[in-house]
Amino acid sequence: QVQLLESGGGLVQAGTSPRLSCVASGRTSSIWNMAWFRQGPASEREFVAGITWKDVSTYYADSVKGRFAISGDNAKATVYLQMSSLKPEDTAVYYCAAADYLPDRATWSMPIQYSYWGHGTQVTVSS
């Protein structure tokens, strides 16, 4: 089993640049892909960004490309989401997710591909 714990959320102002963190524990050696998803009020969970420890390549949703950056440390089993130029529409609960190796990048955005999820951290962007 793998446990994920997110931190770094809260009430932030538009235009600021907070960073979310996710620490994995347990059988982290089985994890090769990690990602951030988010779920806003009355909306479905959507993919934000993903990373694979195979080659540290990344992938982003169009809505955050150029504003958010995912990074991490495989040795520390930690992944970060650096957010910038925040907008009120970025308000959501942000979830960390982890999976075995996902060789097809087209599948990274599918929640069903991820076996492990954190409880989420609320990010509220005020204008």
C-alpha atoms as a PDB file:
ATOM      1  CA  GLN A   1       0.000   0.000   0.000  1.00  0.00           C
ATOM      2  CA  VAL A   2       0.993   3.577  -0.594  1.00  0.00           C
ATOM      3  CA  GLN A   3      -0.195   6.576   1.377  1.00  0.00           C
ATOM      4  CA  LEU A   4      -0.156  10.107  -0.009  1.00  0.00           C
ATOM      5  CA  LEU A   5      -0.284  13.285   2.035  1.00  0.00           C
ATOM      6  CA  GLU A   6      -0.753  16.692   0.418  1.00  0.00           C
ATOM      7  CA  SER A   7       0.051  20.056   1.954  1.00  0.00           C
ATOM      8  CA  GLY A   8       0.376  23.679   0.935  1.00  0.00           C
ATOM      9  CA  GLY A   9      -3.197  24.652   0.174  1.00  0.00           C
ATOM     10  CA  GLY A  10      -5.188  27.493   1.637  1.00  0.00           C
ATOM     11  CA  LEU A  11      -6.610  30.880   0.774  1.00  0.00           C
ATOM     12  CA  VAL A  12      -4.365  32.674  -1.706  1.00  0.00           C
ATOM     13  CA  GLN A  13      -4.648  35.808  -3.797  1.00  0.00           C
ATOM     14  CA  ALA A  14      -4.862  35.811  -7.565  1.00  0.00           C
ATOM     15  CA  GLY A  15      -1.483  36.230  -9.179  1.00  0.00           C
ATOM     16  CA  THR A  16       0.472  34.612  -6.372  1.00  0.00           C
ATOM     17  CA  SER A  17       2.684  31.526  -6.631  1.00  0.00           C
ATOM     18  CA  PRO A  18       2.088  28.939  -3.910  1.00  0.00           C
ATOM     19  CA  ARG A  19       3.514  25.435  -3.978  1.00  0.00           C
ATOM     20  CA  LEU A  20       1.756  22.217  -3.122  1.00  0.00           C
ATOM     21  CA  SER A  21       3.646  19.205  -1.799  1.00  0.00           C
ATOM     22  CA  CYS A  22       2.780  15.526  -1.722  1.00  0.00           C
ATOM     23  CA  VAL A  23       4.747  12.997   0.273  1.00  0.00           C
ATOM     24  CA  ALA A  24       4.337   9.297  -0.418  1.00  0.00           C
ATOM     25  CA  SER A  25       4.944   6.596   2.162  1.00  0.00           C
ATOM     26  CA  GLY A  26       4.671   2.833   2.266  1.00  0.00           C
ATOM     27  CA  ARG A  27       5.575   0.758  -0.807  1.00  0.00           C
ATOM     28  CA  THR A  28       6.886   3.713  -2.756  1.00  0.00           C
ATOM     29  CA  SER A  29       9.231   1.507  -4.809  1.00  0.00           C
ATOM     30  CA  SER A  30       6.199   0.413  -6.822  1.00  0.00           C
ATOM     31  CA  ILE A  31       5.382   3.972  -7.856  1.00  0.00           C
ATOM     32  CA  TRP A  32       6.624   5.292 -11.180  1.00  0.00           C
ATOM     33  CA  ASN A  33       3.995   7.874 -12.081  1.00  0.00           C
ATOM     34  CA  MET A  34       2.611  10.648  -9.932  1.00  0.00           C
ATOM     35  CA  ALA A  35       0.150  13.362 -10.791  1.00  0.00           C
ATOM     36  CA  TRP A  36      -1.960  16.215  -9.537  1.00  0.00           C
ATOM     37  CA  PHE A  37      -5.692  16.370 -10.186  1.00  0.00           C
ATOM     38  CA  ARG A  38      -8.196  18.937  -9.031  1.00  0.00           C
ATOM     39  CA  GLN A  39     -11.914  19.127  -8.473  1.00  0.00           C
ATOM     40  CA  GLY A  40     -13.719  22.431  -8.366  1.00  0.00           C
ATOM     41  CA  PRO A  41     -17.209  23.092  -7.030  1.00  0.00           C
ATOM     42  CA  ALA A  42     -19.821  21.168  -8.989  1.00  0.00           C
ATOM     43  CA  SER A  43     -17.257  19.807 -11.440  1.00  0.00           C
ATOM     44  CA  GLU A  44     -15.569  16.526 -12.194  1.00  0.00           C
ATOM     45  CA  ARG A  45     -12.052  15.670 -11.133  1.00  0.00           C
ATOM     46  CA  GLU A  46      -9.654  16.872 -13.801  1.00  0.00           C
ATOM     47  CA  PHE A  47      -6.021  16.203 -14.559  1.00  0.00           C
ATOM     48  CA  VAL A  48      -3.575  19.025 -13.852  1.00  0.00           C
ATOM     49  CA  ALA A  49      -0.055  17.655 -14.304  1.00  0.00           C
ATOM     50  CA  GLY A  50       1.866  14.392 -14.225  1.00  0.00           C
ATOM     51  CA  ILE A  51       5.432  13.159 -13.926  1.00  0.00           C
ATOM     52  CA  THR A  52       7.166   9.830 -14.343  1.00  0.00           C
ATOM     53  CA  TRP A  53      10.293   8.788 -12.475  1.00  0.00           C
ATOM     54  CA  LYS A  54      11.367   6.700 -15.508  1.00  0.00           C
ATOM     55  CA  ASP A  55      12.805   9.741 -17.253  1.00  0.00           C
ATOM     56  CA  VAL A  56      11.385  12.630 -15.217  1.00  0.00           C
ATOM     57  CA  SER A  57       9.224  13.680 -18.151  1.00  0.00           C
ATOM     58  CA  THR A  58       6.148  15.759 -17.449  1.00  0.00           C
ATOM     59  CA  TYR A  59       2.750  16.431 -18.948  1.00  0.00           C
ATOM     60  CA  TYR A  60       0.281  19.255 -18.355  1.00  0.00           C
ATOM     61  CA  ALA A  61      -3.334  20.082 -18.923  1.00  0.00           C
ATOM     62  CA  ASP A  62      -3.755  22.928 -21.391  1.00  0.00           C
ATOM     63  CA  SER A  63      -5.474  25.009 -18.715  1.00  0.00           C
ATOM     64  CA  VAL A  64      -2.307  25.200 -16.595  1.00  0.00           C
ATOM     65  CA  LYS A  65       0.461  24.866 -19.174  1.00  0.00           C
ATOM     66  CA  GLY A  66       2.960  27.670 -18.712  1.00  0.00           C
ATOM     67  CA  ARG A  67       1.594  28.556 -15.256  1.00  0.00           C
ATOM     68  CA  PHE A  68       2.070  25.381 -13.204  1.00  0.00           C
ATOM     69  CA  ALA A  69       5.137  23.164 -12.910  1.00  0.00           C
ATOM     70  CA  ILE A  70       5.337  19.647 -11.510  1.00  0.00           C
ATOM     71  CA  SER A  71       8.581  18.369 -10.075  1.00  0.00           C
ATOM     72  CA  GLY A  72       9.722  15.937  -7.481  1.00  0.00           C
ATOM     73  CA  ASP A  73      12.309  13.817  -5.809  1.00  0.00           C
ATOM     74  CA  ASN A  74      11.960  10.092  -6.327  1.00  0.00           C
ATOM     75  CA  ALA A  75      14.377   9.322  -3.501  1.00  0.00           C
ATOM     76  CA  LYS A  76      12.219  11.319  -1.105  1.00  0.00           C
ATOM     77  CA  ALA A  77       9.010  10.067  -2.734  1.00  0.00           C
ATOM     78  CA  THR A  78       7.827  13.638  -2.956  1.00  0.00           C
ATOM     79  CA  VAL A  79       6.144  15.543  -5.738  1.00  0.00           C
ATOM     80  CA  TYR A  80       5.487  19.275  -5.924  1.00  0.00           C
ATOM     81  CA  LEU A  81       3.144  21.487  -7.857  1.00  0.00           C
ATOM     82  CA  GLN A  82       4.460  25.013  -8.250  1.00  0.00           C
ATOM     83  CA  MET A  83       1.556  27.227  -9.198  1.00  0.00           C
ATOM     84  CA  SER A  84       1.880  30.730 -10.590  1.00  0.00           C
ATOM     85  CA  SER A  85      -0.377  33.399 -12.050  1.00  0.00           C
ATOM     86  CA  LEU A  86      -3.260  31.917 -10.125  1.00  0.00           C
ATOM     87  CA  LYS A  87      -6.793  32.735 -11.224  1.00  0.00           C
ATOM     88  CA  PRO A  88     -10.066  32.416  -9.312  1.00  0.00           C
ATOM     89  CA  GLU A  89     -11.002  29.543 -11.636  1.00  0.00           C
ATOM     90  CA  ASP A  90      -8.060  27.571 -10.223  1.00  0.00           C
ATOM     91  CA  THR A  91     -10.037  27.257  -6.995  1.00  0.00           C
ATOM     92  CA  ALA A  92     -10.424  23.547  -6.276  1.00  0.00           C
ATOM     93  CA  VAL A  93      -9.443  20.686  -4.061  1.00  0.00           C
ATOM     94  CA  TYR A  94      -6.087  19.469  -5.356  1.00  0.00           C
ATOM     95  CA  TYR A  95      -5.369  15.757  -5.142  1.00  0.00           C
ATOM     96  CA  CYS A  96      -2.092  13.905  -5.411  1.00  0.00           C
ATOM     97  CA  ALA A  97      -2.224  10.541  -7.184  1.00  0.00           C
ATOM     98  CA  ALA A  98       0.257   7.724  -7.759  1.00  0.00           C
ATOM     99  CA  ALA A  99       0.427   4.735 -10.070  1.00  0.00           C
ATOM    100  CA  ASP A 100       2.627   2.004 -11.422  1.00  0.00           C
ATOM    101  CA  TYR A 101       4.452   2.872 -14.610  1.00  0.00           C
ATOM    102  CA  LEU A 102       2.158   4.341 -17.268  1.00  0.00           C
ATOM    103  CA  PRO A 103       4.063   4.027 -20.566  1.00  0.00           C
ATOM    104  CA  ASP A 104       1.381   5.736 -22.626  1.00  0.00           C
ATOM    105  CA  ARG A 105       1.306   9.444 -21.840  1.00  0.00           C
ATOM    106  CA  ALA A 106      -2.202   9.619 -23.224  1.00  0.00           C
ATOM    107  CA  THR A 107      -3.379   7.687 -20.176  1.00  0.00           C
ATOM    108  CA  TRP A 108      -1.792   9.992 -17.613  1.00  0.00           C
ATOM    109  CA  SER A 109      -4.887  12.193 -17.460  1.00  0.00           C
ATOM    110  CA  MET A 110      -7.259   9.344 -16.609  1.00  0.00           C
ATOM    111  CA  PRO A 111      -8.079   9.097 -12.891  1.00  0.00           C
ATOM    112  CA  ILE A 112      -8.810   5.390 -13.252  1.00  0.00           C
ATOM    113  CA  GLN A 113      -5.122   4.748 -14.028  1.00  0.00           C
ATOM    114  CA  TYR A 114      -4.081   5.786 -10.522  1.00  0.00           C
ATOM    115  CA  SER A 115      -4.293   3.301  -7.677  1.00  0.00           C
ATOM    116  CA  TYR A 116      -3.443   5.657  -4.844  1.00  0.00           C
ATOM    117  CA  TRP A 117      -4.910   9.008  -3.877  1.00  0.00           C
ATOM    118  CA  GLY A 118      -4.368  11.570  -1.180  1.00  0.00           C
ATOM    119  CA  HIS A 119      -7.235  13.211   0.680  1.00  0.00           C
ATOM    120  CA  GLY A 120      -6.731  16.496  -1.117  1.00  0.00           C
ATOM    121  CA  THR A 121      -5.843  20.030  -0.135  1.00  0.00           C
ATOM    122  CA  GLN A 122      -8.151  22.988  -0.729  1.00  0.00           C
ATOM    123  CA  VAL A 123      -6.825  25.909  -2.753  1.00  0.00           C
ATOM    124  CA  THR A 124      -9.080  28.952  -2.814  1.00  0.00           C
ATOM    125  CA  VAL A 125      -8.018  31.826  -5.052  1.00  0.00           C
ATOM    126  CA  SER A 126      -9.431  35.234  -4.197  1.00  0.00           C
ATOM    127  CA  SER A 127      -9.558  37.980  -6.804  1.00  0.00           C
END
